[in-house]
Amino acid sequence: QHQDNEIQQLSCTDSNDAGSFELSFRGQSVSVTATNTAADLETALNGLSVIEEVSISYNDPSIYVGAPSLDPDALQICRASEGLIDIEFKSPTGNVPQMDISNLVGIDGVLTIITTRDGTKEYITCSGRGICDHTSGLCKCFPGFASSDGQGNLGSHRDCGARNPYAYGT
């Protein structure tokens, strides 16, 4: 069964670029200004100890019209015409709590956060594809599986979460 990362969507409308707010997750917060970019927000959220990895992207690619020379993550998150920012939780996985908005100052439009896709990934010892050696804490993967990056690709998590393309008979 395919499992999905949770996506929460931040919507921010601010015409004067003077606003700020805080985003909180599991008791920890980051300060956000209206002129922060997606890259700024990603760096701040990934700096929280309760988040291992989130990925931030703009929901609507048409916002790049007229700004072709900018990097995709260089546009500010709060815009006069509403900015929709997708926050994908790569880890922690599963159906995570919704982030909270607080300490709103000077945002002259809408500021909301909603869950657009519930996370369906789960923590299972060795991804259910291996046996845990409790002495070392490492997984011994079943044939055809290998260490993943936490997203189903080959990586260094030592969790048996990836198909091994080099295994015989797979």
Protein backbone atom coordinates (compact mmCIF):
# COMPACT_ATOMS: atom_id res chain seq x y z
CA GLN A 1 0.00 0.00 0.00
CA HIS A 2 1.31 3.45 -0.93
CA GLN A 3 1.86 5.72 2.06
CA ASP A 4 1.82 9.52 1.91
CA ASN A 5 3.61 12.32 3.70
CA GLU A 6 1.34 14.82 5.42
CA ILE A 7 0.92 18.19 3.69
CA GLN A 8 -0.27 21.28 5.52
CA GLN A 9 -0.99 24.45 3.56
CA LEU A 10 -0.22 27.94 4.82
CA SER A 11 -2.25 30.74 3.24
CA CYS A 12 -1.02 34.29 3.81
CA THR A 13 -2.31 37.55 2.33
CA ASP A 14 -0.44 40.72 3.29
CA SER A 15 -0.34 43.78 1.07
CA ASN A 16 2.05 45.94 3.09
CA ASP A 17 4.90 43.44 3.72
CA ALA A 18 4.98 44.55 7.36
CA GLY A 19 3.40 41.60 9.16
CA SER A 20 4.77 38.77 11.24
CA PHE A 21 3.49 35.70 13.08
CA GLU A 22 4.66 32.51 14.74
CA LEU A 23 4.14 28.94 13.56
CA SER A 24 4.15 26.30 16.29
CA PHE A 25 4.48 22.52 16.11
CA ARG A 26 4.50 20.18 19.10
CA GLY A 27 5.27 23.01 21.53
CA GLN A 28 8.08 24.67 19.56
CA SER A 29 7.76 27.85 17.48
CA VAL A 30 9.44 29.77 14.70
CA SER A 31 9.01 33.47 13.96
CA VAL A 32 7.92 34.29 10.41
CA THR A 33 7.79 37.65 8.64
CA ALA A 34 5.64 38.45 5.63
CA THR A 35 8.75 38.82 3.49
CA ASN A 36 10.30 35.45 4.44
CA THR A 37 10.74 33.11 1.49
CA ALA A 38 9.89 29.42 1.26
CA ALA A 39 13.60 28.69 1.75
CA ASP A 40 13.63 30.81 4.94
CA LEU A 41 10.59 28.98 6.31
CA GLU A 42 12.03 25.56 5.42
CA THR A 43 15.30 26.38 7.20
CA ALA A 44 13.48 27.65 10.30
CA LEU A 45 11.12 24.67 10.57
CA ASN A 46 13.91 22.14 9.96
CA GLY A 47 15.76 23.81 12.85
CA LEU A 48 13.10 22.69 15.35
CA SER A 49 14.08 19.61 17.34
CA VAL A 50 10.55 18.16 16.93
CA ILE A 51 10.87 18.16 13.12
CA GLU A 52 13.46 16.06 11.32
CA GLU A 53 12.60 17.20 7.80
CA VAL A 54 9.97 19.27 6.05
CA SER A 55 9.94 20.43 2.45
CA ILE A 56 8.34 23.77 1.55
CA SER A 57 6.98 24.63 -1.90
CA TYR A 58 4.66 27.16 -3.51
CA ASN A 59 1.29 25.61 -4.31
CA ASP A 60 0.61 27.65 -7.44
CA PRO A 61 3.34 27.73 -10.12
CA SER A 62 1.65 30.68 -11.85
CA ILE A 63 3.06 33.01 -9.19
CA TYR A 64 6.34 32.84 -11.09
CA VAL A 65 4.84 34.70 -14.06
CA GLY A 66 6.85 37.88 -14.40
CA ALA A 67 9.63 36.59 -12.16
CA PRO A 68 11.49 34.08 -14.35
CA SER A 69 14.93 35.12 -13.11
CA LEU A 70 14.15 34.30 -9.47
CA ASP A 71 14.94 30.97 -7.88
CA PRO A 72 11.76 28.94 -7.30
CA ASP A 73 12.03 29.42 -3.52
CA ALA A 74 12.93 33.14 -3.61
CA LEU A 75 9.43 34.62 -3.62
CA GLN A 76 8.00 35.77 -0.30
CA ILE A 77 5.42 33.59 1.40
CA CYS A 78 2.91 36.36 2.18
CA ARG A 79 1.67 38.13 -0.92
CA ALA A 80 -0.93 40.77 -1.75
CA SER A 81 -2.70 38.20 -3.94
CA GLU A 82 -2.48 35.38 -1.35
CA GLY A 83 0.46 33.07 -1.06
CA LEU A 84 -0.25 29.34 -0.74
CA ILE A 85 2.66 27.41 0.72
CA ASP A 86 2.71 23.61 1.00
CA ILE A 87 4.56 22.22 4.02
CA GLU A 88 5.32 18.51 3.46
CA PHE A 89 6.29 16.55 6.55
CA LYS A 90 8.90 14.02 5.46
CA SER A 91 9.75 13.20 9.08
CA PRO A 92 8.04 12.91 11.48
CA THR A 93 5.74 10.69 9.48
CA GLY A 94 2.12 9.74 9.90
CA ASN A 95 -0.87 11.92 10.67
CA VAL A 96 0.92 14.72 12.55
CA PRO A 97 -0.77 17.49 14.57
CA GLN A 98 -1.71 20.60 12.64
CA MET A 99 0.63 23.53 13.08
CA ASP A 100 -0.70 26.53 15.02
CA ILE A 101 -0.52 30.23 14.12
CA SER A 102 -0.01 32.72 16.95
CA ASN A 103 1.35 36.18 17.79
CA LEU A 104 -0.10 37.68 14.61
CA VAL A 105 1.13 41.28 14.12
CA GLY A 106 0.38 43.53 11.16
CA ILE A 107 -0.86 40.94 8.64
CA ASP A 108 -3.61 42.89 6.87
CA GLY A 109 -5.26 39.90 5.15
CA VAL A 110 -5.99 36.21 5.60
CA LEU A 111 -3.62 33.92 7.49
CA THR A 112 -4.63 30.25 7.84
CA ILE A 113 -3.17 26.79 7.95
CA ILE A 114 -5.07 23.65 6.93
CA THR A 115 -4.19 20.01 6.35
CA THR A 116 -4.59 19.19 2.66
CA ARG A 117 -3.34 15.59 2.88
CA ASP A 118 -3.19 13.48 6.03
CA GLY A 119 0.03 11.56 6.51
CA THR A 120 -0.42 7.82 6.25
CA LYS A 121 3.14 6.64 6.86
CA GLU A 122 3.81 4.75 10.05
CA TYR A 123 6.75 3.77 12.20
CA ILE A 124 7.30 0.01 12.00
CA THR A 125 10.48 -1.65 13.21
CA CYS A 126 12.74 -2.20 10.20
CA SER A 127 9.84 -1.00 8.00
CA GLY A 128 8.31 -4.46 8.38
CA ARG A 129 10.95 -5.67 5.89
CA GLY A 130 13.64 -6.93 8.20
CA ILE A 131 14.57 -8.15 11.69
CA CYS A 132 15.94 -5.81 14.35
CA ASP A 133 19.15 -6.83 16.08
CA HIS A 134 18.31 -5.39 19.51
CA THR A 135 21.95 -5.67 20.63
CA SER A 136 23.23 -3.35 17.89
CA GLY A 137 19.94 -1.55 17.17
CA LEU A 138 20.42 -2.23 13.46
CA CYS A 139 18.09 -3.91 10.99
CA LYS A 140 18.94 -7.04 9.02
CA CYS A 141 16.88 -6.56 5.88
CA PHE A 142 14.96 -9.34 4.19
CA PRO A 143 16.16 -10.21 0.66
CA GLY A 144 15.13 -7.54 -1.83
CA PHE A 145 15.15 -4.65 0.69
CA ALA A 146 17.80 -2.19 1.82
CA SER A 147 18.41 0.96 3.81
CA SER A 148 16.28 3.95 2.76
CA ASP A 149 16.32 7.74 2.84
CA GLY A 150 13.01 7.70 4.73
CA GLN A 151 11.09 8.32 1.49
CA GLY A 152 11.38 4.85 -0.10
CA ASN A 153 14.60 5.54 -2.02
CA LEU A 154 17.99 4.02 -1.22
CA GLY A 155 19.67 5.88 1.63
CA SER A 156 21.42 5.68 4.97
CA HIS A 157 18.57 5.27 7.50
CA ARG A 158 19.31 1.54 8.02
CA ASP A 159 15.56 0.86 8.11
CA CYS A 160 14.92 -1.63 5.25
CA GLY A 161 12.54 0.94 3.76
CA ALA A 162 13.73 0.72 0.15
CA ARG A 163 13.58 -1.95 -2.50
CA ASN A 164 17.07 -3.12 -3.35
CA PRO A 165 17.48 -2.87 -7.13
CA TYR A 166 20.67 -4.91 -6.91
CA ALA A 167 19.10 -7.95 -5.19
CA TYR A 168 18.76 -11.10 -7.24
CA GLY A 169 15.27 -12.22 -8.16
CA THR A 170 13.51 -8.88 -7.51
